[in-house]
Structure formats: C-alpha cells, structure tokens
N, C-alpha and C. Protein backbone atom coordinates (compact mmCIF):
# COMPACT_ATOMS: atom_id res chain seq x y z
N MET A 1 -36.82 -16.04 52.16
CA MET A 1 -35.78 -15.11 52.58
C MET A 1 -35.47 -15.29 54.07
N ALA A 2 -36.50 -15.50 54.89
CA ALA A 2 -36.30 -15.64 56.33
C ALA A 2 -35.47 -16.87 56.65
N VAL A 3 -35.69 -17.97 55.93
CA VAL A 3 -34.90 -19.18 56.17
C VAL A 3 -33.45 -18.94 55.77
N TRP A 4 -33.22 -18.31 54.62
CA TRP A 4 -31.85 -18.00 54.20
C TRP A 4 -31.17 -17.13 55.26
N ARG A 5 -31.84 -16.09 55.71
CA ARG A 5 -31.28 -15.18 56.71
C ARG A 5 -30.99 -15.94 58.00
N GLY A 6 -31.89 -16.80 58.42
CA GLY A 6 -31.71 -17.57 59.65
C GLY A 6 -30.53 -18.52 59.59
N ARG A 7 -30.19 -18.99 58.42
CA ARG A 7 -29.06 -19.90 58.26
C ARG A 7 -27.75 -19.18 57.96
N THR A 8 -27.85 -17.97 57.44
CA THR A 8 -26.68 -17.27 56.91
C THR A 8 -26.20 -16.12 57.78
N VAL A 9 -27.11 -15.47 58.48
CA VAL A 9 -26.75 -14.26 59.24
C VAL A 9 -27.18 -14.42 60.69
N GLY A 10 -26.21 -14.31 61.59
CA GLY A 10 -26.51 -14.25 63.02
C GLY A 10 -26.53 -12.79 63.43
N VAL A 11 -27.52 -12.39 64.20
CA VAL A 11 -27.66 -10.99 64.58
C VAL A 11 -27.54 -10.85 66.10
N VAL A 12 -26.66 -9.93 66.51
CA VAL A 12 -26.54 -9.57 67.92
C VAL A 12 -27.11 -8.17 68.04
N PHE A 13 -28.28 -8.06 68.65
CA PHE A 13 -28.94 -6.78 68.81
C PHE A 13 -28.32 -6.01 69.98
N GLN A 14 -28.33 -4.71 69.90
CA GLN A 14 -27.76 -3.88 70.96
C GLN A 14 -28.48 -4.10 72.28
N PHE A 15 -29.79 -4.30 72.24
CA PHE A 15 -30.56 -4.47 73.46
C PHE A 15 -31.12 -5.89 73.58
N PHE A 16 -30.31 -6.87 73.21
CA PHE A 16 -30.52 -8.30 73.45
C PHE A 16 -31.67 -8.94 72.67
N GLN A 17 -32.90 -8.44 72.86
CA GLN A 17 -34.09 -9.00 72.23
C GLN A 17 -34.30 -10.47 72.60
N LEU A 18 -33.98 -10.83 73.82
CA LEU A 18 -34.29 -12.17 74.31
C LEU A 18 -35.77 -12.24 74.66
N LEU A 19 -36.38 -13.37 74.40
CA LEU A 19 -37.79 -13.54 74.75
C LEU A 19 -37.89 -13.80 76.25
N PRO A 20 -38.63 -12.97 76.97
CA PRO A 20 -38.61 -13.03 78.43
C PRO A 20 -39.24 -14.27 79.04
N THR A 21 -40.11 -14.96 78.29
CA THR A 21 -40.77 -16.14 78.85
C THR A 21 -40.04 -17.44 78.54
N LEU A 22 -38.94 -17.35 77.78
CA LEU A 22 -38.12 -18.51 77.48
C LEU A 22 -36.85 -18.46 78.33
N THR A 23 -36.35 -19.62 78.71
CA THR A 23 -35.08 -19.66 79.43
C THR A 23 -33.96 -19.23 78.49
N VAL A 24 -32.80 -19.00 79.06
CA VAL A 24 -31.65 -18.59 78.26
C VAL A 24 -31.35 -19.65 77.20
N ILE A 25 -31.33 -20.91 77.57
CA ILE A 25 -31.02 -21.97 76.60
C ILE A 25 -32.11 -22.07 75.53
N GLU A 26 -33.36 -21.86 75.91
CA GLU A 26 -34.45 -21.88 74.92
C GLU A 26 -34.30 -20.72 73.93
N ASN A 27 -33.86 -19.56 74.42
CA ASN A 27 -33.60 -18.43 73.52
C ASN A 27 -32.52 -18.77 72.52
N VAL A 28 -31.48 -19.48 72.96
CA VAL A 28 -30.39 -19.86 72.07
C VAL A 28 -30.84 -20.93 71.08
N MET A 29 -31.72 -21.82 71.50
CA MET A 29 -32.20 -22.88 70.61
C MET A 29 -33.22 -22.39 69.59
N LEU A 30 -33.85 -21.25 69.85
CA LEU A 30 -34.93 -20.76 68.99
C LEU A 30 -34.55 -20.65 67.52
N PRO A 31 -33.40 -20.04 67.16
CA PRO A 31 -33.06 -20.00 65.73
C PRO A 31 -32.89 -21.39 65.11
N MET A 32 -32.41 -22.35 65.91
CA MET A 32 -32.27 -23.72 65.41
C MET A 32 -33.63 -24.32 65.12
N ASP A 33 -34.61 -24.00 65.98
CA ASP A 33 -35.97 -24.51 65.78
C ASP A 33 -36.57 -23.98 64.49
N PHE A 34 -36.36 -22.69 64.20
CA PHE A 34 -36.94 -22.07 63.01
C PHE A 34 -36.32 -22.58 61.72
N CYS A 35 -35.06 -22.92 61.77
CA CYS A 35 -34.36 -23.30 60.52
C CYS A 35 -34.14 -24.80 60.37
N ASN A 36 -34.53 -25.58 61.35
CA ASN A 36 -34.39 -27.05 61.29
C ASN A 36 -32.99 -27.48 60.85
N MET A 37 -31.98 -26.87 61.45
CA MET A 37 -30.60 -27.20 61.05
C MET A 37 -30.01 -28.34 61.88
N TYR A 38 -30.58 -28.60 63.02
CA TYR A 38 -30.06 -29.64 63.90
C TYR A 38 -31.24 -30.47 64.40
N THR A 39 -30.96 -31.72 64.74
CA THR A 39 -32.02 -32.55 65.31
C THR A 39 -32.37 -32.02 66.69
N MET A 40 -33.51 -32.42 67.20
CA MET A 40 -33.94 -31.98 68.53
C MET A 40 -32.87 -32.31 69.58
N ARG A 41 -32.29 -33.48 69.47
CA ARG A 41 -31.28 -33.90 70.44
C ARG A 41 -30.02 -33.03 70.34
N GLU A 42 -29.64 -32.67 69.14
CA GLU A 42 -28.43 -31.86 68.94
C GLU A 42 -28.61 -30.42 69.41
N ARG A 43 -29.83 -29.91 69.34
CA ARG A 43 -30.08 -28.49 69.64
C ARG A 43 -29.69 -28.12 71.07
N GLU A 44 -30.14 -28.88 72.03
CA GLU A 44 -29.84 -28.54 73.41
C GLU A 44 -28.34 -28.68 73.70
N THR A 45 -27.72 -29.71 73.15
CA THR A 45 -26.28 -29.90 73.34
C THR A 45 -25.51 -28.74 72.72
N ARG A 46 -25.88 -28.35 71.51
CA ARG A 46 -25.21 -27.24 70.83
C ARG A 46 -25.44 -25.92 71.59
N ALA A 47 -26.66 -25.68 72.01
CA ALA A 47 -26.96 -24.45 72.75
C ALA A 47 -26.14 -24.39 74.05
N MET A 48 -26.04 -25.50 74.75
CA MET A 48 -25.26 -25.52 75.99
C MET A 48 -23.79 -25.26 75.71
N ARG A 49 -23.28 -25.83 74.63
CA ARG A 49 -21.87 -25.60 74.27
C ARG A 49 -21.63 -24.11 73.97
N LEU A 50 -22.56 -23.49 73.27
CA LEU A 50 -22.43 -22.06 72.97
C LEU A 50 -22.51 -21.22 74.25
N LEU A 51 -23.42 -21.58 75.14
CA LEU A 51 -23.54 -20.84 76.40
C LEU A 51 -22.28 -21.00 77.25
N GLU A 52 -21.71 -22.18 77.25
CA GLU A 52 -20.45 -22.37 77.97
C GLU A 52 -19.33 -21.55 77.35
N GLN A 53 -19.35 -21.45 76.03
CA GLN A 53 -18.33 -20.68 75.31
C GLN A 53 -18.36 -19.21 75.71
N VAL A 54 -19.55 -18.69 76.03
CA VAL A 54 -19.66 -17.29 76.45
C VAL A 54 -19.77 -17.16 77.97
N GLY A 55 -19.52 -18.24 78.69
CA GLY A 55 -19.48 -18.20 80.14
C GLY A 55 -20.83 -18.23 80.84
N LEU A 56 -21.85 -18.77 80.18
CA LEU A 56 -23.20 -18.77 80.76
C LEU A 56 -23.76 -20.15 81.04
N GLY A 57 -22.95 -21.18 80.97
CA GLY A 57 -23.45 -22.54 81.22
C GLY A 57 -24.28 -22.66 82.49
N PRO A 58 -23.81 -22.10 83.62
CA PRO A 58 -24.57 -22.22 84.87
C PRO A 58 -25.92 -21.49 84.86
N HIS A 59 -26.13 -20.60 83.92
CA HIS A 59 -27.36 -19.82 83.87
C HIS A 59 -28.32 -20.28 82.78
N ALA A 60 -28.04 -21.40 82.15
CA ALA A 60 -28.79 -21.86 80.98
C ALA A 60 -30.29 -21.97 81.22
N TYR A 61 -30.70 -22.39 82.40
CA TYR A 61 -32.12 -22.65 82.63
C TYR A 61 -32.82 -21.53 83.42
N LYS A 62 -32.17 -20.38 83.46
CA LYS A 62 -32.78 -19.20 84.09
C LYS A 62 -33.51 -18.38 83.03
N LEU A 63 -34.46 -17.58 83.47
CA LEU A 63 -35.11 -16.63 82.58
C LEU A 63 -34.19 -15.42 82.40
N PRO A 64 -34.29 -14.72 81.28
CA PRO A 64 -33.44 -13.55 81.06
C PRO A 64 -33.51 -12.52 82.19
N SER A 65 -34.67 -12.37 82.81
CA SER A 65 -34.82 -11.39 83.89
C SER A 65 -34.00 -11.76 85.13
N ALA A 66 -33.55 -13.00 85.22
CA ALA A 66 -32.78 -13.46 86.38
C ALA A 66 -31.27 -13.31 86.19
N ILE A 67 -30.85 -12.79 85.04
CA ILE A 67 -29.42 -12.59 84.81
C ILE A 67 -29.15 -11.12 84.50
N SER A 68 -27.90 -10.72 84.62
CA SER A 68 -27.54 -9.31 84.42
C SER A 68 -27.62 -8.92 82.94
N GLY A 69 -27.53 -7.61 82.69
CA GLY A 69 -27.54 -7.11 81.31
C GLY A 69 -26.36 -7.65 80.51
N GLY A 70 -25.19 -7.70 81.12
CA GLY A 70 -24.02 -8.26 80.43
C GLY A 70 -24.20 -9.72 80.10
N GLU A 71 -24.82 -10.47 81.02
CA GLU A 71 -25.09 -11.88 80.76
C GLU A 71 -26.14 -12.04 79.66
N GLN A 72 -27.13 -11.14 79.64
CA GLN A 72 -28.12 -11.19 78.57
C GLN A 72 -27.45 -10.92 77.22
N GLN A 73 -26.49 -10.00 77.20
CA GLN A 73 -25.78 -9.72 75.94
C GLN A 73 -25.01 -10.95 75.49
N ARG A 74 -24.37 -11.64 76.43
CA ARG A 74 -23.63 -12.86 76.06
C ARG A 74 -24.59 -13.94 75.57
N ALA A 75 -25.80 -14.02 76.15
CA ALA A 75 -26.80 -14.98 75.67
C ALA A 75 -27.22 -14.62 74.25
N ALA A 76 -27.35 -13.32 73.97
CA ALA A 76 -27.70 -12.87 72.62
C ALA A 76 -26.61 -13.24 71.62
N ILE A 77 -25.36 -13.17 72.05
CA ILE A 77 -24.25 -13.56 71.18
C ILE A 77 -24.30 -15.05 70.91
N ALA A 78 -24.55 -15.85 71.95
CA ALA A 78 -24.68 -17.30 71.76
C ALA A 78 -25.82 -17.61 70.79
N ARG A 79 -26.93 -16.90 70.94
CA ARG A 79 -28.09 -17.11 70.05
C ARG A 79 -27.72 -16.77 68.60
N ALA A 80 -26.95 -15.71 68.40
CA ALA A 80 -26.54 -15.33 67.05
C ALA A 80 -25.68 -16.40 66.39
N LEU A 81 -24.98 -17.18 67.20
CA LEU A 81 -24.11 -18.23 66.68
C LEU A 81 -24.80 -19.59 66.56
N ALA A 82 -26.05 -19.65 66.97
CA ALA A 82 -26.77 -20.93 67.07
C ALA A 82 -26.73 -21.77 65.80
N ASN A 83 -26.95 -21.15 64.65
CA ASN A 83 -27.00 -21.90 63.39
C ASN A 83 -25.67 -21.91 62.65
N ASP A 84 -24.60 -21.55 63.35
CA ASP A 84 -23.26 -21.52 62.76
C ASP A 84 -23.24 -20.70 61.47
N PRO A 85 -23.73 -19.45 61.53
CA PRO A 85 -23.84 -18.65 60.31
C PRO A 85 -22.47 -18.17 59.82
N PRO A 86 -22.31 -18.03 58.51
CA PRO A 86 -21.04 -17.51 57.98
C PRO A 86 -20.86 -16.02 58.25
N ILE A 87 -21.98 -15.31 58.52
CA ILE A 87 -21.92 -13.86 58.76
C ILE A 87 -22.60 -13.57 60.10
N VAL A 88 -21.93 -12.77 60.92
CA VAL A 88 -22.53 -12.30 62.18
C VAL A 88 -22.52 -10.78 62.15
N VAL A 89 -23.69 -10.18 62.36
CA VAL A 89 -23.83 -8.74 62.42
C VAL A 89 -24.08 -8.39 63.88
N ALA A 90 -23.23 -7.53 64.43
CA ALA A 90 -23.31 -7.23 65.85
C ALA A 90 -23.37 -5.72 66.09
N ASP A 91 -24.43 -5.28 66.73
CA ASP A 91 -24.63 -3.86 67.05
C ASP A 91 -24.18 -3.63 68.49
N GLU A 92 -23.03 -3.00 68.67
CA GLU A 92 -22.47 -2.72 70.00
C GLU A 92 -22.45 -3.98 70.87
N PRO A 93 -21.81 -5.06 70.40
CA PRO A 93 -21.87 -6.34 71.13
C PRO A 93 -21.20 -6.32 72.50
N THR A 94 -20.32 -5.36 72.74
CA THR A 94 -19.64 -5.31 74.04
C THR A 94 -20.08 -4.09 74.85
N GLY A 95 -21.10 -3.38 74.38
CA GLY A 95 -21.52 -2.15 75.03
C GLY A 95 -21.99 -2.32 76.46
N ASN A 96 -22.52 -3.48 76.82
CA ASN A 96 -23.04 -3.71 78.16
C ASN A 96 -22.14 -4.62 78.99
N LEU A 97 -20.91 -4.79 78.53
CA LEU A 97 -20.03 -5.75 79.20
C LEU A 97 -18.88 -5.06 79.91
N ASP A 98 -18.39 -5.70 80.97
CA ASP A 98 -17.20 -5.18 81.64
C ASP A 98 -15.99 -5.46 80.75
N SER A 99 -14.85 -4.88 81.10
CA SER A 99 -13.68 -4.96 80.22
C SER A 99 -13.17 -6.39 80.06
N ILE A 100 -13.24 -7.20 81.08
CA ILE A 100 -12.75 -8.59 80.99
C ILE A 100 -13.65 -9.40 80.06
N THR A 101 -14.96 -9.26 80.23
CA THR A 101 -15.90 -9.99 79.37
C THR A 101 -15.85 -9.46 77.94
N SER A 102 -15.68 -8.15 77.78
CA SER A 102 -15.53 -7.57 76.44
C SER A 102 -14.35 -8.20 75.72
N GLU A 103 -13.25 -8.33 76.44
CA GLU A 103 -12.04 -8.93 75.86
C GLU A 103 -12.31 -10.37 75.44
N SER A 104 -13.00 -11.13 76.27
CA SER A 104 -13.26 -12.52 75.92
C SER A 104 -14.19 -12.62 74.72
N ILE A 105 -15.18 -11.72 74.61
CA ILE A 105 -16.08 -11.74 73.46
C ILE A 105 -15.33 -11.32 72.20
N PHE A 106 -14.46 -10.30 72.31
CA PHE A 106 -13.69 -9.90 71.14
C PHE A 106 -12.79 -11.06 70.69
N ASN A 107 -12.18 -11.77 71.64
CA ASN A 107 -11.35 -12.92 71.29
C ASN A 107 -12.17 -14.02 70.62
N LEU A 108 -13.41 -14.22 71.09
CA LEU A 108 -14.30 -15.19 70.44
C LEU A 108 -14.57 -14.76 69.00
N PHE A 109 -14.88 -13.47 68.80
CA PHE A 109 -15.11 -12.97 67.44
C PHE A 109 -13.86 -13.13 66.59
N PHE A 110 -12.70 -12.84 67.16
CA PHE A 110 -11.44 -12.98 66.42
C PHE A 110 -11.23 -14.43 65.99
N ASP A 111 -11.52 -15.37 66.89
CA ASP A 111 -11.40 -16.80 66.55
C ASP A 111 -12.39 -17.18 65.45
N LEU A 112 -13.60 -16.61 65.49
CA LEU A 112 -14.59 -16.88 64.45
C LEU A 112 -14.10 -16.37 63.10
N VAL A 113 -13.48 -15.19 63.09
CA VAL A 113 -12.92 -14.64 61.85
C VAL A 113 -11.82 -15.56 61.34
N LYS A 114 -10.95 -16.01 62.23
CA LYS A 114 -9.86 -16.93 61.82
C LYS A 114 -10.41 -18.22 61.24
N SER A 115 -11.60 -18.64 61.69
CA SER A 115 -12.19 -19.87 61.17
C SER A 115 -12.99 -19.64 59.89
N GLY A 116 -12.99 -18.38 59.39
CA GLY A 116 -13.62 -18.12 58.10
C GLY A 116 -14.92 -17.34 58.16
N LYS A 117 -15.37 -16.98 59.34
CA LYS A 117 -16.62 -16.23 59.47
C LYS A 117 -16.37 -14.74 59.23
N THR A 118 -17.41 -14.06 58.82
CA THR A 118 -17.36 -12.61 58.65
C THR A 118 -18.14 -11.99 59.80
N ILE A 119 -17.50 -11.07 60.52
CA ILE A 119 -18.15 -10.35 61.61
C ILE A 119 -18.26 -8.89 61.18
N VAL A 120 -19.48 -8.38 61.15
CA VAL A 120 -19.71 -6.96 60.87
C VAL A 120 -20.18 -6.38 62.21
N MET A 121 -19.35 -5.49 62.75
CA MET A 121 -19.61 -4.99 64.09
C MET A 121 -19.69 -3.47 64.09
N VAL A 122 -20.73 -2.96 64.72
CA VAL A 122 -20.86 -1.52 64.93
C VAL A 122 -20.38 -1.25 66.34
N THR A 123 -19.49 -0.27 66.49
CA THR A 123 -19.01 0.06 67.83
C THR A 123 -18.61 1.52 67.91
N HIS A 124 -18.75 2.07 69.11
CA HIS A 124 -18.23 3.40 69.41
C HIS A 124 -16.94 3.28 70.20
N ASP A 125 -16.54 2.05 70.50
CA ASP A 125 -15.34 1.79 71.29
C ASP A 125 -14.11 1.85 70.37
N VAL A 126 -13.36 2.94 70.48
CA VAL A 126 -12.21 3.16 69.60
C VAL A 126 -11.17 2.06 69.79
N ASP A 127 -10.93 1.65 71.03
CA ASP A 127 -9.94 0.60 71.28
C ASP A 127 -10.33 -0.70 70.58
N LEU A 128 -11.60 -1.04 70.64
CA LEU A 128 -12.09 -2.25 69.99
C LEU A 128 -11.99 -2.11 68.47
N ALA A 129 -12.39 -0.97 67.94
CA ALA A 129 -12.34 -0.74 66.49
C ALA A 129 -10.91 -0.83 65.96
N GLN A 130 -9.94 -0.37 66.75
CA GLN A 130 -8.53 -0.42 66.31
C GLN A 130 -8.07 -1.84 66.08
N ARG A 131 -8.69 -2.80 66.77
CA ARG A 131 -8.25 -4.19 66.67
C ARG A 131 -8.91 -4.95 65.54
N ALA A 132 -9.87 -4.33 64.89
CA ALA A 132 -10.56 -4.99 63.78
C ALA A 132 -9.63 -5.08 62.57
N THR A 133 -9.86 -6.08 61.74
CA THR A 133 -9.01 -6.25 60.56
C THR A 133 -9.36 -5.26 59.46
N ARG A 134 -10.56 -4.72 59.50
CA ARG A 134 -10.99 -3.74 58.50
C ARG A 134 -11.98 -2.80 59.16
N THR A 135 -11.88 -1.53 58.87
CA THR A 135 -12.78 -0.56 59.50
C THR A 135 -13.38 0.37 58.46
N VAL A 136 -14.57 0.83 58.78
CA VAL A 136 -15.24 1.85 57.98
C VAL A 136 -15.79 2.85 58.99
N LEU A 137 -15.42 4.11 58.83
CA LEU A 137 -15.91 5.16 59.70
C LEU A 137 -17.10 5.84 59.05
N LEU A 138 -18.22 5.84 59.77
CA LEU A 138 -19.43 6.51 59.28
C LEU A 138 -19.61 7.81 60.06
N VAL A 139 -19.91 8.87 59.35
CA VAL A 139 -20.22 10.15 59.96
C VAL A 139 -21.54 10.63 59.35
N ASP A 140 -22.53 10.83 60.18
CA ASP A 140 -23.85 11.27 59.73
C ASP A 140 -24.40 10.39 58.61
N GLY A 141 -24.18 9.08 58.74
CA GLY A 141 -24.74 8.14 57.78
C GLY A 141 -23.97 7.98 56.48
N HIS A 142 -22.81 8.62 56.37
CA HIS A 142 -22.01 8.53 55.15
C HIS A 142 -20.62 7.99 55.48
N ILE A 143 -20.04 7.25 54.54
CA ILE A 143 -18.68 6.73 54.74
C ILE A 143 -17.70 7.89 54.71
N ALA A 144 -16.99 8.05 55.82
CA ALA A 144 -16.01 9.13 55.92
C ALA A 144 -14.60 8.62 55.66
N SER A 145 -14.35 7.35 55.98
CA SER A 145 -13.02 6.79 55.79
C SER A 145 -13.11 5.27 55.87
N ARG A 146 -12.14 4.64 55.23
CA ARG A 146 -12.05 3.17 55.26
C ARG A 146 -10.66 2.78 55.71
N ASN A 147 -10.57 1.63 56.35
CA ASN A 147 -9.29 1.06 56.76
C ASN A 147 -8.41 2.05 57.53
N LEU A 148 -8.94 2.56 58.60
CA LEU A 148 -8.20 3.49 59.44
C LEU A 148 -7.04 2.79 60.14
N SER A 149 -5.94 3.50 60.29
CA SER A 149 -4.78 2.97 61.00
C SER A 149 -4.94 3.26 62.48
N ALA A 150 -4.06 2.67 63.30
CA ALA A 150 -4.08 2.94 64.74
C ALA A 150 -3.86 4.42 65.00
N ALA A 151 -2.99 5.07 64.22
CA ALA A 151 -2.73 6.51 64.39
C ALA A 151 -3.99 7.32 64.08
N ASP A 152 -4.74 6.90 63.05
CA ASP A 152 -6.00 7.58 62.71
C ASP A 152 -6.98 7.50 63.88
N PHE A 153 -7.06 6.29 64.47
CA PHE A 153 -7.96 6.12 65.60
C PHE A 153 -7.52 6.97 66.80
N GLN A 154 -6.23 7.04 67.01
CA GLN A 154 -5.74 7.84 68.13
C GLN A 154 -6.10 9.31 67.92
N ALA A 155 -5.96 9.80 66.69
CA ALA A 155 -6.31 11.19 66.39
C ALA A 155 -7.81 11.42 66.60
N LEU A 156 -8.64 10.46 66.17
CA LEU A 156 -10.08 10.58 66.38
C LEU A 156 -10.42 10.56 67.86
N SER A 157 -9.75 9.68 68.60
CA SER A 157 -9.99 9.59 70.03
C SER A 157 -9.60 10.89 70.73
N ASP A 158 -8.45 11.45 70.36
CA ASP A 158 -8.00 12.72 70.95
C ASP A 158 -8.98 13.83 70.60
N GLU A 159 -9.46 13.84 69.36
CA GLU A 159 -10.42 14.87 68.91
C GLU A 159 -11.72 14.76 69.72
N ALA A 160 -12.18 13.54 69.93
CA ALA A 160 -13.41 13.33 70.68
C ALA A 160 -13.24 13.77 72.13
N LYS A 161 -12.08 13.45 72.71
CA LYS A 161 -11.82 13.86 74.11
C LYS A 161 -11.78 15.39 74.22
N ASN A 162 -11.12 16.04 73.26
CA ASN A 162 -11.04 17.50 73.29
C ASN A 162 -12.43 18.13 73.11
N ALA A 163 -13.24 17.55 72.24
CA ALA A 163 -14.60 18.06 72.03
C ALA A 163 -15.42 17.90 73.30
N ALA A 164 -15.27 16.74 73.98
CA ALA A 164 -16.02 16.48 75.21
C ALA A 164 -15.57 17.46 76.30
N ALA A 165 -14.28 17.71 76.39
CA ALA A 165 -13.76 18.64 77.41
C ALA A 165 -14.24 20.06 77.13
N GLY A 166 -14.36 20.42 75.86
CA GLY A 166 -14.82 21.76 75.49
C GLY A 166 -16.29 22.00 75.78
N SER A 167 -17.08 20.90 75.85
CA SER A 167 -18.53 21.05 76.07
C SER A 167 -18.88 21.13 77.54
N LYS A 168 -17.89 20.97 78.41
CA LYS A 168 -18.17 20.99 79.87
C LYS A 168 -18.14 22.40 80.40
C-alpha cells in the first residue's frame, strides 16, 4: 500500500514535514528514493527542476532551517510532485505564502489540473476556493454544499466578515 501511495498520491502537509537533517533537494528526492521511480542520476535532475519550478533552485542545498516558512512550503510542494503522482492532496498549500507566491502556486496547480492531474485542496481562503473547478463546503465535518458559485462564496465571505465584526 505504501508503494502505491508513494507513486499515486503526492501530499502537501500544512506544516511542511521536511526532514530537518536533509537538504531541501534531498527532501524532494526522498519520495523518489522510496519508490524507485527514477534512476539515481535522474533523481537529482528532476528534484532540481521541481525546485526551480517553485522558485527554490538557489536554495536546493540548504537545510530547511535556513529558509523561510513560505520557502519550506514550496519545498513541500516540490516534494509532493517528486514522483509525478496523478493525485495531489494539499492541506492549506498557500497558507504560509505571500500573495504573489500563492498566485504562482495556484497557477502551478491549475497547470497540473490542465495536464490531467487531480488536486484535492483544503483551504480557508475564499478567493482561492472560488477559482477551483469544483468545490465542496464542509461544516463541522459534514458536506454542507457542493459546487458553490462565485456568488455563494461572496455570501459566505460576507457572512464570515459580519460574524467576525460582531465578535469584537
């Protein structure tokens, strides 16, 4: 089961889960090592290409503690893509990123979807959720709605803002 999961599902954890004693590039190569999907020579080249894709090429040989939280999140995204999985599950993948980097990561995910990949993303970011091709709203662990429109999201956003203003 672990080998199937390693080849089929890429996971982006909310809090990175990078191994602190491995460099960024070694963290990205780790799933490739476990699943033997690429030769040793291909692994480093592929990992570097993924790091460049998320803007981390210059930081490839640093330890995770030497890069920012947003950079660690981008390294985690590169690691999730290491084995070219058909499914990527991402828990708040842009939660630690600035707006420009969030946009670039969302565009990367959008390109992955266009190429046939499935991205399952959990987010509290209403603007990001509005741009997804399919949405499911969970409330207290239960499905409250599916395929929300932009107007639905705006109403939810307004409701959340009003609730936040009322609690002050």
